[in-house]
């Protein structure tokens, strides 16, 4: 997990990888056309769809999103895949064909309570959430979805 001065990084993997980073200060950016370059910005959160199986997530309270290469996305100079992105019941929802990402709008940095990825693993639907803290938990929590846990 890369850590740079003033930035913390973390990764969530559940068949798809998420590169996460955090900074401090207020960020307000307009949401660009998600089809144009694969980027969606919701307030302090930025989502960059790199491939159908890879989305880079970034939280930057100071509005200074990180554009330098990361361990998981050294070269991001390729065409963004087509994907729908919309707001549903207060959540940013991005569907790539490989998985569905959901993040609660205006809920702060990415946590297991406000961010999830859902995907099919064989005949099972699994859900992954970012986890942070000490002692360091596994990079991804995966469980079988039950009717009560899937909305």
N, C-alpha and C. Protein backbone atom coordinates (compact mmCIF):
# COMPACT_ATOMS: atom_id res chain seq x y z
N UNK A 1 0.85 -1.17 0.00
CA UNK A 1 0.00 0.00 0.00
C UNK A 1 0.90 1.23 0.00
N UNK A 2 0.80 2.10 -1.02
CA UNK A 2 1.68 3.26 -1.07
C UNK A 2 1.23 4.33 -0.09
N UNK A 3 2.19 4.93 0.60
CA UNK A 3 1.89 6.06 1.47
C UNK A 3 2.89 7.15 1.13
N UNK A 4 2.38 8.33 0.75
CA UNK A 4 3.23 9.47 0.45
C UNK A 4 3.00 10.51 1.53
N UNK A 5 3.98 11.38 1.73
CA UNK A 5 3.86 12.43 2.75
C UNK A 5 2.56 13.18 2.56
N UNK A 6 1.73 13.25 3.61
CA UNK A 6 0.47 13.97 3.54
C UNK A 6 -0.66 13.21 2.87
N UNK A 7 -0.43 12.00 2.44
CA UNK A 7 -1.47 11.21 1.76
C UNK A 7 -1.45 9.79 2.33
N UNK A 8 -2.64 9.25 2.51
CA UNK A 8 -2.73 7.86 2.92
C UNK A 8 -3.40 7.08 1.82
N UNK A 9 -2.93 5.92 1.51
CA UNK A 9 -3.51 5.11 0.44
C UNK A 9 -3.98 3.79 0.99
N UNK A 10 -4.96 3.21 0.35
CA UNK A 10 -5.45 1.90 0.75
C UNK A 10 -6.07 1.24 -0.46
N UNK A 11 -6.22 -0.04 -0.42
CA UNK A 11 -6.74 -0.78 -1.55
C UNK A 11 -7.87 -1.69 -1.11
N UNK A 12 -8.88 -1.80 -1.92
CA UNK A 12 -10.00 -2.71 -1.69
C UNK A 12 -10.05 -3.63 -2.88
N UNK A 13 -10.03 -4.96 -2.63
CA UNK A 13 -10.06 -5.89 -3.75
C UNK A 13 -11.17 -6.89 -3.52
N UNK A 14 -12.01 -7.08 -4.50
CA UNK A 14 -13.08 -8.07 -4.45
C UNK A 14 -13.37 -8.46 -5.89
N UNK A 15 -12.34 -8.93 -6.58
CA UNK A 15 -12.48 -9.19 -8.00
C UNK A 15 -12.22 -7.92 -8.79
N UNK A 16 -12.33 -6.79 -8.13
CA UNK A 16 -12.03 -5.48 -8.69
C UNK A 16 -11.15 -4.78 -7.68
N UNK A 17 -10.28 -3.90 -8.11
CA UNK A 17 -9.41 -3.19 -7.20
C UNK A 17 -9.83 -1.74 -7.10
N UNK A 18 -9.63 -1.16 -5.94
CA UNK A 18 -9.90 0.25 -5.73
C UNK A 18 -8.65 0.87 -5.15
N UNK A 19 -8.16 1.92 -5.74
CA UNK A 19 -7.06 2.67 -5.16
C UNK A 19 -7.70 3.87 -4.47
N UNK A 20 -7.47 4.00 -3.19
CA UNK A 20 -8.08 5.05 -2.39
C UNK A 20 -6.98 5.96 -1.86
N UNK A 21 -7.23 7.25 -1.80
CA UNK A 21 -6.31 8.14 -1.11
C UNK A 21 -7.10 9.24 -0.43
N UNK A 22 -6.52 9.82 0.61
CA UNK A 22 -7.22 10.84 1.39
C UNK A 22 -6.31 12.04 1.63
N UNK A 23 -6.93 13.22 1.64
CA UNK A 23 -6.24 14.46 1.96
C UNK A 23 -7.16 15.30 2.82
N UNK A 24 -6.83 16.54 3.09
CA UNK A 24 -7.65 17.40 3.95
C UNK A 24 -8.02 18.70 3.24
N UNK A 25 -9.19 19.30 3.64
CA UNK A 25 -9.64 20.58 3.08
C UNK A 25 -10.89 20.41 2.25
N UNK A 26 -11.66 21.50 1.87
CA UNK A 26 -12.89 21.34 1.12
C UNK A 26 -12.66 21.23 -0.38
N UNK A 27 -13.35 20.28 -1.02
CA UNK A 27 -13.26 20.12 -2.47
C UNK A 27 -14.65 20.20 -3.05
N UNK A 28 -14.84 20.96 -4.08
CA UNK A 28 -16.11 21.05 -4.77
C UNK A 28 -15.82 21.11 -6.25
N UNK A 29 -16.21 20.09 -6.96
CA UNK A 29 -15.99 20.05 -8.40
C UNK A 29 -17.27 19.59 -9.06
N UNK A 30 -17.50 20.07 -10.26
CA UNK A 30 -18.67 19.64 -11.00
C UNK A 30 -18.44 18.24 -11.54
N UNK A 31 -19.52 17.48 -11.65
CA UNK A 31 -19.42 16.14 -12.17
C UNK A 31 -19.32 16.20 -13.69
N UNK A 32 -18.19 15.75 -14.26
CA UNK A 32 -18.06 15.75 -15.72
C UNK A 32 -18.89 14.61 -16.32
N UNK A 33 -19.02 14.60 -17.63
CA UNK A 33 -19.67 13.49 -18.32
C UNK A 33 -18.86 12.23 -18.04
N UNK A 34 -19.45 11.23 -17.36
CA UNK A 34 -18.67 10.05 -17.00
C UNK A 34 -18.17 9.27 -18.20
N UNK A 35 -18.79 9.43 -19.36
CA UNK A 35 -18.35 8.69 -20.54
C UNK A 35 -17.12 9.32 -21.17
N UNK A 36 -16.87 10.61 -20.94
CA UNK A 36 -15.79 11.32 -21.62
C UNK A 36 -14.41 10.79 -21.24
N UNK A 37 -14.07 10.78 -19.97
CA UNK A 37 -12.73 10.32 -19.58
C UNK A 37 -12.77 9.30 -18.45
N UNK A 38 -13.94 8.82 -18.10
CA UNK A 38 -14.05 7.81 -17.05
C UNK A 38 -14.07 8.38 -15.66
N UNK A 39 -14.18 9.71 -15.52
CA UNK A 39 -14.11 10.34 -14.20
C UNK A 39 -15.47 10.89 -13.78
N UNK A 40 -15.83 10.62 -12.53
CA UNK A 40 -17.02 11.19 -11.92
C UNK A 40 -16.57 11.83 -10.62
N UNK A 41 -16.96 13.08 -10.39
CA UNK A 41 -16.63 13.77 -9.14
C UNK A 41 -17.92 14.12 -8.43
N UNK A 42 -18.02 13.71 -7.17
CA UNK A 42 -19.14 14.06 -6.30
C UNK A 42 -18.55 14.75 -5.07
N UNK A 43 -18.57 16.07 -5.06
CA UNK A 43 -18.03 16.80 -3.91
C UNK A 43 -16.58 16.46 -3.67
N UNK A 44 -16.29 15.82 -2.55
CA UNK A 44 -14.92 15.47 -2.15
C UNK A 44 -14.46 14.12 -2.67
N UNK A 45 -15.33 13.40 -3.37
CA UNK A 45 -15.00 12.06 -3.85
C UNK A 45 -14.85 12.07 -5.37
N UNK A 46 -13.82 11.38 -5.85
CA UNK A 46 -13.61 11.24 -7.29
C UNK A 46 -13.48 9.76 -7.61
N UNK A 47 -14.14 9.36 -8.69
CA UNK A 47 -14.13 7.98 -9.16
C UNK A 47 -13.62 7.99 -10.59
N UNK A 48 -12.62 7.17 -10.89
CA UNK A 48 -12.06 7.10 -12.24
C UNK A 48 -12.16 5.66 -12.71
N UNK A 49 -13.07 5.41 -13.65
CA UNK A 49 -13.25 4.07 -14.19
C UNK A 49 -12.15 3.83 -15.21
N UNK A 50 -11.22 2.97 -14.87
CA UNK A 50 -10.07 2.69 -15.73
C UNK A 50 -10.35 1.54 -16.68
N UNK A 51 -10.97 0.49 -16.17
CA UNK A 51 -11.39 -0.66 -16.97
C UNK A 51 -12.69 -1.16 -16.34
N UNK A 52 -13.38 -2.09 -16.97
CA UNK A 52 -14.59 -2.62 -16.34
C UNK A 52 -14.34 -3.30 -14.99
N UNK A 53 -13.09 -3.66 -14.68
CA UNK A 53 -12.77 -4.32 -13.42
C UNK A 53 -11.88 -3.46 -12.51
N UNK A 54 -11.66 -2.20 -12.84
CA UNK A 54 -10.78 -1.35 -12.03
C UNK A 54 -11.30 0.08 -11.96
N UNK A 55 -11.62 0.51 -10.75
CA UNK A 55 -12.02 1.90 -10.51
C UNK A 55 -11.08 2.46 -9.46
N UNK A 56 -10.54 3.63 -9.74
CA UNK A 56 -9.69 4.34 -8.78
C UNK A 56 -10.59 5.29 -8.02
N UNK A 57 -10.62 5.19 -6.68
CA UNK A 57 -11.40 6.07 -5.83
C UNK A 57 -10.46 6.99 -5.10
N UNK A 58 -10.87 8.25 -4.96
CA UNK A 58 -10.05 9.21 -4.23
C UNK A 58 -10.94 10.16 -3.45
N UNK A 59 -10.55 10.44 -2.22
CA UNK A 59 -11.23 11.41 -1.38
C UNK A 59 -10.24 12.52 -1.08
N UNK A 60 -10.61 13.78 -1.38
CA UNK A 60 -9.70 14.91 -1.18
C UNK A 60 -10.49 16.11 -0.66
N UNK A 61 -10.46 16.33 0.63
CA UNK A 61 -11.19 17.46 1.22
C UNK A 61 -10.65 18.80 0.76
N UNK A 62 -9.41 18.85 0.30
CA UNK A 62 -8.82 20.13 -0.11
C UNK A 62 -8.99 20.40 -1.60
N UNK A 63 -9.66 19.51 -2.32
CA UNK A 63 -9.89 19.71 -3.74
C UNK A 63 -8.69 19.40 -4.61
N UNK A 64 -7.62 18.92 -4.03
CA UNK A 64 -6.40 18.60 -4.77
C UNK A 64 -6.32 17.11 -5.02
N UNK A 65 -7.07 16.66 -6.01
CA UNK A 65 -7.04 15.25 -6.36
C UNK A 65 -5.68 14.88 -6.94
N UNK A 66 -5.25 13.68 -6.65
CA UNK A 66 -3.92 13.19 -7.05
C UNK A 66 -3.99 12.61 -8.45
N UNK A 67 -3.18 13.15 -9.36
CA UNK A 67 -3.17 12.67 -10.73
C UNK A 67 -1.89 11.94 -11.11
N UNK A 68 -0.94 11.84 -10.18
CA UNK A 68 0.29 11.11 -10.48
C UNK A 68 0.00 9.62 -10.56
N UNK A 69 0.87 8.86 -11.22
CA UNK A 69 0.68 7.41 -11.28
C UNK A 69 0.65 6.79 -9.89
N UNK A 70 -0.12 5.72 -9.74
CA UNK A 70 -0.17 4.97 -8.49
C UNK A 70 0.29 3.55 -8.78
N UNK A 71 0.51 2.77 -7.74
CA UNK A 71 0.95 1.40 -7.90
C UNK A 71 -0.04 0.61 -8.76
N UNK A 72 -1.34 0.84 -8.55
CA UNK A 72 -2.35 0.08 -9.28
C UNK A 72 -2.71 0.67 -10.63
N UNK A 73 -2.32 1.90 -10.89
CA UNK A 73 -2.69 2.56 -12.15
C UNK A 73 -1.55 3.46 -12.61
N UNK A 74 -0.47 2.85 -13.07
CA UNK A 74 0.70 3.60 -13.50
C UNK A 74 0.38 4.39 -14.76
N UNK A 75 -0.24 3.74 -15.74
CA UNK A 75 -0.59 4.40 -17.00
C UNK A 75 -2.10 4.46 -17.10
N UNK A 76 -2.66 5.67 -17.00
CA UNK A 76 -4.11 5.82 -17.12
C UNK A 76 -4.48 6.49 -18.44
N UNK A 77 -3.61 6.43 -19.43
CA UNK A 77 -3.84 7.10 -20.71
C UNK A 77 -4.47 6.15 -21.72
N UNK A 78 -5.57 5.53 -21.33
CA UNK A 78 -6.29 4.68 -22.27
C UNK A 78 -7.76 5.05 -22.25
N UNK A 79 -8.48 4.62 -23.25
CA UNK A 79 -9.88 4.98 -23.38
C UNK A 79 -10.70 4.41 -22.24
N UNK A 80 -11.58 5.25 -21.69
CA UNK A 80 -12.47 4.81 -20.62
C UNK A 80 -13.54 3.89 -21.20
N UNK A 81 -13.89 2.84 -20.47
CA UNK A 81 -14.97 1.98 -20.95
C UNK A 81 -16.32 2.69 -20.79
N UNK A 82 -17.30 2.28 -21.54
CA UNK A 82 -18.65 2.82 -21.38
C UNK A 82 -19.26 2.23 -20.11
N UNK A 83 -19.93 3.06 -19.33
CA UNK A 83 -20.58 2.60 -18.10
C UNK A 83 -21.63 3.62 -17.70
N UNK A 84 -22.72 3.18 -17.09
CA UNK A 84 -23.69 4.13 -16.56
C UNK A 84 -23.28 4.57 -15.15
N UNK A 85 -23.57 5.82 -14.84
CA UNK A 85 -23.31 6.36 -13.51
C UNK A 85 -24.48 7.27 -13.17
N UNK A 86 -25.10 7.01 -12.04
CA UNK A 86 -26.23 7.83 -11.63
C UNK A 86 -26.31 7.89 -10.11
N UNK A 87 -27.17 8.77 -9.63
CA UNK A 87 -27.43 8.87 -8.20
C UNK A 87 -28.76 8.18 -7.95
N UNK A 88 -28.73 7.22 -7.02
CA UNK A 88 -29.93 6.46 -6.65
C UNK A 88 -30.07 6.48 -5.14
N UNK A 89 -31.16 7.03 -4.63
CA UNK A 89 -31.45 7.05 -3.20
C UNK A 89 -30.28 7.58 -2.37
N UNK A 90 -29.61 8.63 -2.84
CA UNK A 90 -28.52 9.25 -2.10
C UNK A 90 -27.16 8.59 -2.27
N UNK A 91 -27.05 7.66 -3.19
CA UNK A 91 -25.79 6.96 -3.46
C UNK A 91 -25.34 7.20 -4.90
N UNK A 92 -24.05 7.43 -5.10
CA UNK A 92 -23.46 7.39 -6.43
C UNK A 92 -23.36 5.92 -6.79
N UNK A 93 -23.89 5.53 -7.93
CA UNK A 93 -23.88 4.14 -8.37
C UNK A 93 -23.21 4.09 -9.74
N UNK A 94 -22.16 3.28 -9.84
CA UNK A 94 -21.43 3.08 -11.10
C UNK A 94 -21.48 1.60 -11.41
N UNK A 95 -22.01 1.28 -12.59
CA UNK A 95 -22.10 -0.12 -13.03
C UNK A 95 -21.17 -0.31 -14.23
N UNK A 96 -20.20 -1.21 -14.08
CA UNK A 96 -19.20 -1.38 -15.14
C UNK A 96 -19.43 -2.60 -16.01
N UNK A 97 -20.32 -3.46 -15.64
CA UNK A 97 -20.47 -4.74 -16.33
C UNK A 97 -19.78 -5.86 -15.57
N UNK A 98 -18.71 -5.52 -14.85
CA UNK A 98 -18.01 -6.48 -14.00
C UNK A 98 -18.51 -6.41 -12.55
N UNK A 99 -18.90 -5.23 -12.11
CA UNK A 99 -19.36 -5.03 -10.74
C UNK A 99 -20.14 -3.73 -10.64
N UNK A 100 -20.76 -3.53 -9.48
CA UNK A 100 -21.47 -2.29 -9.17
C UNK A 100 -20.81 -1.66 -7.96
N UNK A 101 -20.44 -0.39 -8.08
CA UNK A 101 -19.87 0.38 -6.98
C UNK A 101 -20.95 1.31 -6.46
N UNK A 102 -21.10 1.39 -5.12
CA UNK A 102 -22.05 2.31 -4.49
C UNK A 102 -21.30 3.10 -3.42
N UNK A 103 -21.49 4.43 -3.45
CA UNK A 103 -20.90 5.30 -2.42
C UNK A 103 -21.94 6.33 -2.00
N UNK A 104 -22.18 6.43 -0.70
CA UNK A 104 -23.16 7.37 -0.17
C UNK A 104 -22.64 8.80 -0.34
N UNK A 105 -23.44 9.65 -0.98
CA UNK A 105 -23.05 11.03 -1.25
C UNK A 105 -22.82 11.81 0.03
N UNK A 106 -21.83 12.71 0.00
CA UNK A 106 -21.53 13.61 1.12
C UNK A 106 -21.38 12.90 2.46
N UNK A 107 -20.77 11.71 2.43
CA UNK A 107 -20.62 10.92 3.65
C UNK A 107 -19.19 10.85 4.16
N UNK A 108 -18.30 11.67 3.59
CA UNK A 108 -16.92 11.70 4.05
C UNK A 108 -16.04 10.68 3.36
N UNK A 109 -14.86 10.43 3.93
CA UNK A 109 -13.91 9.48 3.34
C UNK A 109 -14.55 8.09 3.20
N UNK A 110 -14.00 7.29 2.32
CA UNK A 110 -14.52 5.95 2.04
C UNK A 110 -14.37 5.06 3.27
N UNK A 111 -15.48 4.44 3.68
CA UNK A 111 -15.49 3.53 4.83
C UNK A 111 -16.33 2.31 4.48
N UNK A 112 -16.32 1.33 5.38
CA UNK A 112 -17.15 0.16 5.18
C UNK A 112 -18.63 0.47 5.32
N UNK A 113 -18.96 1.63 5.92
CA UNK A 113 -20.36 2.01 6.08
C UNK A 113 -20.92 2.79 4.89
N UNK A 114 -20.06 3.39 4.05
CA UNK A 114 -20.58 4.23 2.97
C UNK A 114 -20.14 3.82 1.57
N UNK A 115 -19.31 2.79 1.44
CA UNK A 115 -18.79 2.38 0.13
C UNK A 115 -18.83 0.86 0.02
N UNK A 116 -19.30 0.37 -1.13
CA UNK A 116 -19.32 -1.07 -1.34
C UNK A 116 -19.21 -1.38 -2.82
N UNK A 117 -18.75 -2.60 -3.09
CA UNK A 117 -18.73 -3.13 -4.45
C UNK A 117 -19.46 -4.46 -4.41
N UNK A 118 -20.31 -4.67 -5.41
CA UNK A 118 -21.06 -5.92 -5.52
C UNK A 118 -20.69 -6.57 -6.85
N UNK A 119 -20.46 -7.88 -6.81
CA UNK A 119 -20.14 -8.61 -8.03
C UNK A 119 -20.56 -10.05 -7.92
N UNK A 120 -20.62 -10.69 -9.07
CA UNK A 120 -20.95 -12.11 -9.13
C UNK A 120 -19.66 -12.91 -9.05
N UNK A 121 -19.64 -13.93 -8.21
CA UNK A 121 -18.51 -14.86 -8.09
C UNK A 121 -19.08 -16.26 -8.29
N UNK A 122 -19.03 -16.71 -9.53
CA UNK A 122 -19.70 -17.98 -9.84
C UNK A 122 -21.19 -17.77 -9.75
N UNK A 123 -21.85 -18.55 -8.89
CA UNK A 123 -23.29 -18.41 -8.72
C UNK A 123 -23.66 -17.59 -7.48
N UNK A 124 -22.68 -16.94 -6.88
CA UNK A 124 -22.91 -16.14 -5.67
C UNK A 124 -22.72 -14.67 -5.96
N UNK A 125 -23.52 -13.83 -5.30
CA UNK A 125 -23.25 -12.40 -5.32
C UNK A 125 -22.45 -12.09 -4.06
N UNK A 126 -21.33 -11.38 -4.21
CA UNK A 126 -20.50 -11.01 -3.07
C UNK A 126 -20.42 -9.50 -2.97
N UNK A 127 -20.19 -9.02 -1.75
CA UNK A 127 -20.10 -7.59 -1.48
C UNK A 127 -18.80 -7.34 -0.74
N UNK A 128 -18.04 -6.33 -1.18
CA UNK A 128 -16.79 -5.95 -0.52
C UNK A 128 -16.89 -4.52 -0.03
N UNK A 129 -16.23 -4.23 1.09
CA UNK A 129 -16.21 -2.90 1.69
C UNK A 129 -14.77 -2.54 2.07
N UNK A 130 -14.38 -1.27 1.96
CA UNK A 130 -13.05 -0.90 2.45
C UNK A 130 -13.01 -1.02 3.97
N UNK A 131 -11.85 -1.38 4.51
CA UNK A 131 -11.66 -1.49 5.95
C UNK A 131 -10.36 -0.82 6.32
N UNK A 132 -10.39 -0.04 7.39
CA UNK A 132 -9.21 0.65 7.88
C UNK A 132 -9.13 0.47 9.38
N UNK A 133 -7.96 0.66 9.96
CA UNK A 133 -7.82 0.63 11.41
C UNK A 133 -6.71 -0.28 11.87
N UNK A 134 -6.50 -0.31 13.19
CA UNK A 134 -5.49 -1.14 13.80
C UNK A 134 -6.16 -2.18 14.67
N UNK A 135 -5.75 -3.42 14.71
CA UNK A 135 -4.75 -3.94 13.79
C UNK A 135 -5.31 -3.97 12.38
N UNK A 136 -4.41 -3.93 11.43
CA UNK A 136 -4.81 -3.83 10.03
C UNK A 136 -5.61 -5.07 9.61
N UNK A 137 -6.89 -4.87 9.22
CA UNK A 137 -7.72 -5.99 8.79
C UNK A 137 -7.38 -6.40 7.36
N UNK A 138 -7.97 -7.49 6.89
CA UNK A 138 -7.75 -7.86 5.49
C UNK A 138 -8.18 -6.71 4.58
N UNK A 139 -7.64 -6.67 3.37
CA UNK A 139 -7.94 -5.59 2.42
C UNK A 139 -9.39 -5.61 1.97
N UNK A 140 -10.08 -6.70 2.12
CA UNK A 140 -11.45 -6.77 1.61
C UNK A 140 -12.27 -7.71 2.47
N UNK A 141 -13.48 -7.32 2.74
CA UNK A 141 -14.42 -8.18 3.43
C UNK A 141 -15.41 -8.68 2.39
N UNK A 142 -15.48 -9.98 2.22
CA UNK A 142 -16.38 -10.55 1.22
C UNK A 142 -17.31 -11.51 1.93
N UNK A 143 -18.59 -11.39 1.60
CA UNK A 143 -19.58 -12.31 2.18
C UNK A 143 -20.61 -12.60 1.12
N UNK A 144 -21.31 -13.68 1.30
CA UNK A 144 -22.40 -14.00 0.38
C UNK A 144 -23.55 -13.06 0.65
N UNK A 145 -24.17 -12.58 -0.40
CA UNK A 145 -25.33 -11.70 -0.25
C UNK A 145 -26.55 -12.54 0.05
N UNK A 146 -27.35 -12.06 0.98
CA UNK A 146 -28.63 -12.69 1.28
C UNK A 146 -29.71 -11.71 0.87
N UNK A 147 -30.94 -12.16 0.72
CA UNK A 147 -31.99 -11.23 0.31
C UNK A 147 -32.08 -10.00 1.21
N UNK A 148 -31.80 -10.15 2.51
CA UNK A 148 -31.88 -9.00 3.41
C UNK A 148 -30.70 -8.05 3.28
N UNK A 149 -29.55 -8.52 2.70
CA UNK A 149 -28.38 -7.65 2.58
C UNK A 149 -28.23 -7.04 1.21
N UNK A 150 -29.12 -7.37 0.28
CA UNK A 150 -29.05 -6.83 -1.07
C UNK A 150 -30.26 -5.94 -1.29
N UNK A 151 -30.00 -4.71 -1.69
CA UNK A 151 -31.13 -3.82 -1.95
C UNK A 151 -31.33 -3.66 -3.42
